Amino acid sequence: MDIQAGIQTAIFLAVLGALALIWSGAAAIRAGRKLMYFRLRQQRLTVGWRNIFGGLGLAALALILGRWGEPVAYTYFPPSLTPTLSPTPSLSPTITLTPSITLTSSITPTPAISNTPTITSTPFIPPVIEALFSSLVTPNPNAVFSPLAFSRAIDSAYQPIDPATVFSQPVDKIVATFSYDQMLNGVQWTALWLRDGELVYHETLPWNGDTGGYGFTEWQPERASEWRAGEYEVQIFAGLEWKVVGRFTVEGDPATETPTASPSPTLRPTLTRTPSKTPLPSPTPRPSPTPRPSRTLRPSDTPWPTATP
C-alpha cells in the first residue's frame, strides 16, 4: 500500500467513525431525556455529548487528512518512482520478394546476398569481473530500474543537470542516473561502461542503498584523453541479472594534454685552470770520483831489548 492509498483509507475510516459517534451520541441524548432519575439522566447526556464531540473531531481529522495529509507524508517519506519497463523490440521478419516472371531454366540462380536479421546478444558480466563478487545475498527478481539518464553533473537529489545523449568534447566526466525499486541491501550490483562494444570501465560492489529511490554510476578517468569519440553503452546488473542498458555518443577529438615544461638547470661556469709553469729539468749530478784504496803501512821492526849490564 502506498502513501496515497493509506491516506484515502484513513479518511474513509475517520468519516465512518464520525458518523457512528454522532449517531450514537444523538441516540444517547434522546434516551437520557426520557429517564426520570437525575443522576442517570446526566450520565446518559454526558455520554451522548461526548460521542457527538468525538464524531466532530473525527470529521475534522478527515478534512485535515484530505487537505494536508499527503504533502506532510511526502516530506518524511519521499516518493520513489516506479519505472515503466520498455518493451523489448522484436525482430521484424524480412520481406521476401516474389518475382512476377518465372524464368524457365535448368539452373536455379542462388542469391549472392541473403538479408539475415542481426541478433543483438544479451548483456552479460565477464567472468573476470564475476570473480570479484563478494556478496552472498540473492537478488530480488522483482527489482526494477528506470531508463538511464546521462549528464555531465547531478544535483544533491541525484537528478541529472542538462541530460543529453550526445556530448561534445571536451568531456571530463559522465554520470548515468536512474531510479530503482525493490532492491535488497547487500546484493552485488555491477555497472559496465563500454565504448564501441569494448569494456573501458566497470564498478561492482554490494548494494548499500535503500530499497527504492535514486542512484547513479559515473566514469571520470584520470586522463580526459580517454574520452575518445564513439558510441558508449552502460549496463546495470543486479547479481548476474541484466536490468537496464543506456547509450550515449561522444563527438569530437579529446583534448590534448599539454605537457608542462620543467625548468632546465642553469649550467654553472666551470673554472678554467691556468696552466702552471713546467719545471725545467734539474741538472743530473755527475758521478763523483771513487776514492782509490790507500796503501797499508807495514809495521816497523820492533827492536829487541838490550842486555842490561
Protein backbone atom coordinates (compact mmCIF):
# COMPACT_ATOMS: atom_id res chain seq x y z
CA MET A 1 0.00 0.00 0.00
CA ASP A 2 1.43 3.39 -0.98
CA ILE A 3 1.03 6.71 0.81
CA GLN A 4 -1.91 7.90 -1.29
CA ALA A 5 -3.91 4.72 -0.66
CA GLY A 6 -3.13 4.89 3.06
CA ILE A 7 -4.34 8.49 3.31
CA GLN A 8 -7.58 7.67 1.48
CA THR A 9 -8.20 4.69 3.77
CA ALA A 10 -7.64 6.83 6.86
CA ILE A 11 -10.10 9.47 5.57
CA PHE A 12 -12.73 6.82 4.90
CA LEU A 13 -12.36 5.31 8.38
CA ALA A 14 -12.44 8.76 10.02
CA VAL A 15 -15.67 9.71 8.23
CA LEU A 16 -17.25 6.36 9.07
CA GLY A 17 -16.25 6.69 12.73
CA ALA A 18 -17.54 10.27 12.88
CA LEU A 19 -20.96 9.26 11.58
CA ALA A 20 -21.15 6.35 14.02
CA LEU A 21 -20.22 8.51 17.03
CA ILE A 22 -22.60 11.32 16.12
CA TRP A 23 -25.46 8.86 15.61
CA SER A 24 -24.76 7.06 18.90
CA GLY A 25 -24.40 10.38 20.75
CA ALA A 26 -27.73 11.66 19.47
CA ALA A 27 -29.39 8.38 20.45
CA ALA A 28 -27.90 8.59 23.96
CA ILE A 29 -29.15 12.16 24.41
CA ARG A 30 -32.67 11.21 23.32
CA ALA A 31 -32.70 8.24 25.67
CA GLY A 32 -31.31 10.29 28.57
CA ARG A 33 -34.05 12.88 28.36
CA LYS A 34 -36.63 10.18 28.93
CA LEU A 35 -35.09 8.99 32.21
CA MET A 36 -36.74 10.08 35.44
CA TYR A 37 -33.67 9.88 37.67
CA PHE A 38 -31.43 12.92 37.55
CA ARG A 39 -28.10 11.11 38.03
CA LEU A 40 -28.78 8.53 35.30
CA ARG A 41 -30.11 11.22 33.00
CA GLN A 42 -26.94 13.32 33.42
CA GLN A 43 -24.67 10.32 32.80
CA ARG A 44 -26.53 9.43 29.63
CA LEU A 45 -26.47 13.02 28.40
CA THR A 46 -22.72 13.25 29.13
CA VAL A 47 -22.02 10.11 27.13
CA GLY A 48 -24.14 11.42 24.27
CA TRP A 49 -22.41 14.78 24.05
CA ARG A 50 -19.01 13.09 24.37
CA ASN A 51 -19.78 10.89 21.39
CA ILE A 52 -21.01 13.84 19.37
CA PHE A 53 -17.84 15.85 20.05
CA GLY A 54 -15.73 12.79 19.25
CA GLY A 55 -17.54 12.42 15.95
CA LEU A 56 -16.93 16.08 15.14
CA GLY A 57 -13.25 15.58 15.96
CA LEU A 58 -13.02 12.64 13.57
CA ALA A 59 -14.75 14.69 10.88
CA ALA A 60 -12.18 17.47 11.38
CA LEU A 61 -9.40 14.89 11.18
CA ALA A 62 -10.79 13.62 7.88
CA LEU A 63 -10.74 17.17 6.50
CA ILE A 64 -7.16 17.71 7.67
CA LEU A 65 -6.00 14.42 6.13
CA GLY A 66 -7.69 15.25 2.85
CA ARG A 67 -6.11 18.71 2.72
CA TRP A 68 -2.60 18.26 4.17
CA GLY A 69 -2.11 14.53 4.68
CA GLU A 70 -0.21 13.63 1.52
CA PRO A 71 2.09 16.72 1.42
CA VAL A 72 3.14 16.17 5.04
CA ALA A 73 3.71 12.44 4.48
CA TYR A 74 5.84 13.08 1.40
CA THR A 75 8.14 15.39 3.37
CA TYR A 76 9.11 12.46 5.60
CA PHE A 77 8.80 9.68 3.02
CA PRO A 78 9.88 10.97 -0.42
CA PRO A 79 8.12 9.12 -3.21
CA SER A 80 10.18 6.67 -5.24
CA LEU A 81 9.44 6.48 -8.92
CA THR A 82 8.43 3.08 -10.23
CA PRO A 83 9.93 2.95 -13.72
CA THR A 84 7.91 1.64 -16.59
CA LEU A 85 9.70 -1.19 -18.31
CA SER A 86 10.06 -0.52 -22.00
CA PRO A 87 9.06 -3.47 -24.19
CA THR A 88 11.87 -5.39 -25.81
CA PRO A 89 11.88 -4.72 -29.56
CA SER A 90 11.06 -7.76 -31.60
CA LEU A 91 12.74 -8.50 -34.89
CA SER A 92 10.52 -7.98 -37.90
CA PRO A 93 10.67 -10.75 -40.49
CA THR A 94 12.41 -9.93 -43.73
CA ILE A 95 10.08 -9.47 -46.69
CA THR A 96 10.84 -11.99 -49.41
CA LEU A 97 10.33 -10.58 -52.89
CA THR A 98 8.46 -12.97 -55.19
CA PRO A 99 9.41 -12.50 -58.86
CA SER A 100 6.48 -11.78 -61.13
CA ILE A 101 8.05 -13.65 -64.06
CA THR A 102 9.35 -17.16 -63.62
CA LEU A 103 12.26 -17.93 -65.92
CA THR A 104 12.37 -21.48 -67.18
CA SER A 105 15.90 -22.63 -66.74
CA SER A 106 17.71 -25.76 -65.78
CA ILE A 107 19.90 -23.82 -63.36
CA THR A 108 18.30 -22.14 -60.38
CA PRO A 109 20.17 -18.92 -59.57
CA THR A 110 21.29 -18.67 -55.96
CA PRO A 111 21.17 -15.18 -54.45
CA ALA A 112 24.62 -13.89 -53.57
CA ILE A 113 23.40 -11.93 -50.55
CA SER A 114 20.69 -13.02 -48.11
CA ASN A 115 19.20 -10.46 -45.74
CA THR A 116 19.54 -12.09 -42.33
CA PRO A 117 18.43 -10.01 -39.33
CA THR A 118 21.23 -9.15 -36.93
CA ILE A 119 20.72 -10.61 -33.45
CA THR A 120 21.93 -8.45 -30.57
CA SER A 121 23.46 -10.52 -27.77
CA THR A 122 22.05 -10.21 -24.27
CA PRO A 123 24.35 -8.25 -21.92
CA PHE A 124 26.35 -10.41 -19.54
CA ILE A 125 29.06 -9.98 -16.91
CA PRO A 126 32.54 -11.15 -17.99
CA PRO A 127 33.95 -13.97 -15.83
CA VAL A 128 36.93 -11.83 -14.77
CA ILE A 129 34.52 -9.30 -13.19
CA GLU A 130 32.25 -12.01 -11.78
CA ALA A 131 35.28 -13.31 -9.89
CA LEU A 132 35.34 -10.00 -7.96
CA PHE A 133 31.87 -10.59 -6.41
CA SER A 134 31.85 -10.57 -2.60
CA SER A 135 28.11 -10.61 -1.76
CA LEU A 136 26.17 -13.77 -0.87
CA VAL A 137 22.70 -12.12 -0.89
CA THR A 138 20.28 -13.49 -3.50
CA PRO A 139 18.92 -10.65 -5.71
CA ASN A 140 15.20 -9.90 -5.76
CA PRO A 141 13.90 -10.91 -9.23
CA ASN A 142 11.23 -8.18 -8.98
CA ALA A 143 13.78 -5.37 -8.63
CA VAL A 144 13.39 -2.77 -11.38
CA PHE A 145 15.46 0.14 -12.72
CA SER A 146 14.32 3.12 -14.76
CA PRO A 147 15.92 4.08 -18.09
CA LEU A 148 19.32 5.73 -17.66
CA ALA A 149 19.74 9.50 -17.98
CA PHE A 150 23.21 10.81 -18.90
CA SER A 151 24.66 14.18 -17.90
CA ARG A 152 27.94 15.85 -17.02
CA ALA A 153 26.84 16.51 -13.40
CA ILE A 154 23.99 15.86 -10.93
CA ASP A 155 22.44 17.84 -8.09
CA SER A 156 22.16 16.91 -4.41
CA ALA A 157 18.97 14.89 -5.08
CA TYR A 158 20.76 12.69 -7.66
CA GLN A 159 18.88 14.38 -10.53
CA PRO A 160 20.74 14.97 -13.83
CA ILE A 161 21.66 18.52 -14.81
CA ASP A 162 21.02 19.13 -18.53
CA PRO A 163 20.65 15.45 -19.52
CA ALA A 164 21.58 14.53 -23.09
CA THR A 165 22.52 11.60 -25.30
CA VAL A 166 25.20 13.38 -27.37
CA PHE A 167 28.20 15.07 -25.75
CA SER A 168 30.82 17.18 -27.50
CA GLN A 169 34.43 17.48 -26.44
CA PRO A 170 35.92 18.36 -24.06
CA VAL A 171 34.43 15.70 -21.76
CA ASP A 172 35.75 15.19 -18.23
CA LYS A 173 33.04 13.05 -16.57
CA ILE A 174 29.72 11.45 -17.49
CA VAL A 175 27.12 10.42 -14.87
CA ALA A 176 24.34 7.87 -15.50
CA THR A 177 21.40 8.38 -13.10
CA PHE A 178 18.42 6.11 -12.53
CA SER A 179 15.58 5.35 -10.13
CA TYR A 180 15.09 1.90 -8.64
CA ASP A 181 12.65 -0.10 -6.54
CA GLN A 182 12.54 -3.38 -4.59
CA MET A 183 16.32 -3.69 -4.23
CA LEU A 184 17.76 -5.71 -1.33
CA ASN A 185 20.57 -4.39 0.84
CA GLY A 186 23.84 -6.27 0.29
CA VAL A 187 23.04 -7.53 -3.23
CA GLN A 188 26.01 -7.40 -5.62
CA TRP A 189 25.35 -4.80 -8.30
CA THR A 190 27.56 -4.01 -11.27
CA ALA A 191 27.89 -1.20 -13.83
CA LEU A 192 29.78 -1.83 -17.09
CA TRP A 193 30.88 1.03 -19.38
CA LEU A 194 31.63 0.07 -22.99
CA ARG A 195 32.88 2.07 -25.97
CA ASP A 196 32.04 0.58 -29.38
CA GLY A 197 31.48 -2.78 -27.68
CA GLU A 198 34.79 -2.74 -25.77
CA LEU A 199 34.84 -2.59 -21.95
CA VAL A 200 36.57 0.59 -20.75
CA TYR A 201 35.42 0.87 -17.10
CA HIS A 202 33.49 -1.12 -14.50
CA GLU A 203 32.42 -0.98 -10.86
CA THR A 204 30.95 -3.80 -8.76
CA LEU A 205 30.14 -3.76 -5.04
CA PRO A 206 27.42 -4.81 -2.56
CA TRP A 207 24.31 -2.60 -2.66
CA ASN A 208 24.31 -0.15 0.28
CA GLY A 209 21.28 1.98 -0.58
CA ASP A 210 17.57 1.84 0.21
CA THR A 211 15.00 -0.47 -1.35
CA GLY A 212 13.74 2.37 -3.54
CA GLY A 213 14.96 5.79 -4.60
CA TYR A 214 17.60 7.27 -6.90
CA GLY A 215 21.14 6.17 -7.72
CA PHE A 216 23.95 6.81 -10.19
CA THR A 217 27.14 5.46 -11.69
CA GLU A 218 29.87 7.68 -13.11
CA TRP A 219 33.12 7.44 -15.02
CA GLN A 220 35.83 10.08 -14.62
CA PRO A 221 39.12 8.74 -15.98
CA GLU A 222 42.40 10.18 -14.79
CA ARG A 223 43.14 11.46 -18.28
CA ALA A 224 40.49 13.26 -20.32
CA SER A 225 42.09 11.85 -23.47
CA GLU A 226 40.43 8.51 -22.68
CA TRP A 227 37.08 10.02 -23.71
CA ARG A 228 37.53 9.16 -27.38
CA ALA A 229 34.74 9.68 -29.88
CA GLY A 230 32.36 6.75 -30.28
CA GLU A 231 29.18 5.02 -29.16
CA TYR A 232 29.09 4.35 -25.41
CA GLU A 233 26.88 1.87 -23.57
CA VAL A 234 26.23 1.48 -19.83
CA GLN A 235 24.85 -1.83 -18.50
CA ILE A 236 23.40 -2.25 -14.98
CA PHE A 237 23.20 -5.69 -13.30
CA ALA A 238 21.73 -6.95 -10.01
CA GLY A 239 23.71 -10.07 -9.29
CA LEU A 240 24.13 -11.72 -12.70
CA GLU A 241 20.75 -10.47 -13.98
CA TRP A 242 20.78 -7.67 -16.52
CA LYS A 243 18.42 -4.84 -15.53
CA VAL A 244 18.84 -1.83 -17.83
CA VAL A 245 21.05 -0.57 -20.68
CA GLY A 246 21.58 3.04 -21.78
CA ARG A 247 23.55 4.54 -24.67
CA PHE A 248 25.10 7.91 -25.49
CA THR A 249 27.54 9.35 -28.02
CA VAL A 250 30.74 11.35 -27.63
CA GLU A 251 31.72 13.52 -30.61
CA GLY A 252 34.99 15.20 -31.47
CA ASP A 253 38.61 14.59 -30.64
CA PRO A 254 39.61 14.55 -26.97
CA ALA A 255 41.55 17.43 -25.52
CA THR A 256 45.29 17.09 -26.00
CA GLU A 257 47.19 17.21 -22.77
CA THR A 258 49.87 19.92 -22.91
CA PRO A 259 52.95 18.81 -21.00
CA THR A 260 54.25 21.34 -18.50
CA ALA A 261 57.80 22.30 -19.36
CA SER A 262 60.06 21.84 -16.38
CA PRO A 263 62.80 24.48 -15.96
CA SER A 264 66.13 23.28 -17.27
CA PRO A 265 69.02 23.51 -14.82
CA THR A 266 71.30 26.52 -15.24
CA LEU A 267 74.82 25.49 -16.02
CA ARG A 268 77.34 26.96 -13.64
CA PRO A 269 80.51 28.38 -15.17
CA THR A 270 83.37 25.95 -14.88
CA LEU A 271 86.71 27.12 -13.58
CA THR A 272 89.36 27.31 -16.28
CA ARG A 273 92.64 26.14 -14.93
CA THR A 274 95.61 28.35 -15.66
CA PRO A 275 98.46 26.26 -16.97
CA SER A 276 101.29 26.12 -14.46
CA LYS A 277 104.88 26.58 -15.45
CA THR A 278 106.58 23.40 -16.46
CA PRO A 279 109.59 22.96 -14.19
CA LEU A 280 112.87 22.76 -16.02
CA PRO A 281 114.75 19.53 -15.61
CA SER A 282 117.28 19.70 -12.85
CA PRO A 283 120.87 19.05 -13.84
CA THR A 284 121.94 15.48 -13.46
CA PRO A 285 124.79 15.27 -10.96
CA ARG A 286 127.92 13.91 -12.39
CA PRO A 287 129.38 10.86 -10.76
CA SER A 288 131.98 11.71 -8.16
CA PRO A 289 135.35 10.01 -8.48
CA THR A 290 135.65 6.84 -6.49
CA PRO A 291 138.50 7.13 -3.97
CA ARG A 292 141.18 4.64 -4.51
CA PRO A 293 142.33 2.50 -1.57
CA SER A 294 145.29 3.90 0.30
CA ARG A 295 148.37 1.88 0.85
CA THR A 296 148.60 -0.05 4.08
CA LEU A 297 151.81 0.73 6.01
CA ARG A 298 153.84 -2.23 7.07
CA PRO A 299 154.63 -2.44 10.77
CA SER A 300 158.08 -1.27 11.70
CA ASP A 301 160.60 -3.66 13.23
CA THR A 302 160.47 -3.74 16.98
CA PRO A 303 163.99 -3.56 18.39
CA TRP A 304 164.98 -6.37 20.71
CA PRO A 305 165.77 -5.38 24.25
CA THR A 306 169.36 -4.81 25.02
CA ALA A 307 171.11 -6.62 27.88
CA THR A 308 171.40 -4.64 30.97
CA PRO A 309 174.91 -4.74 32.49
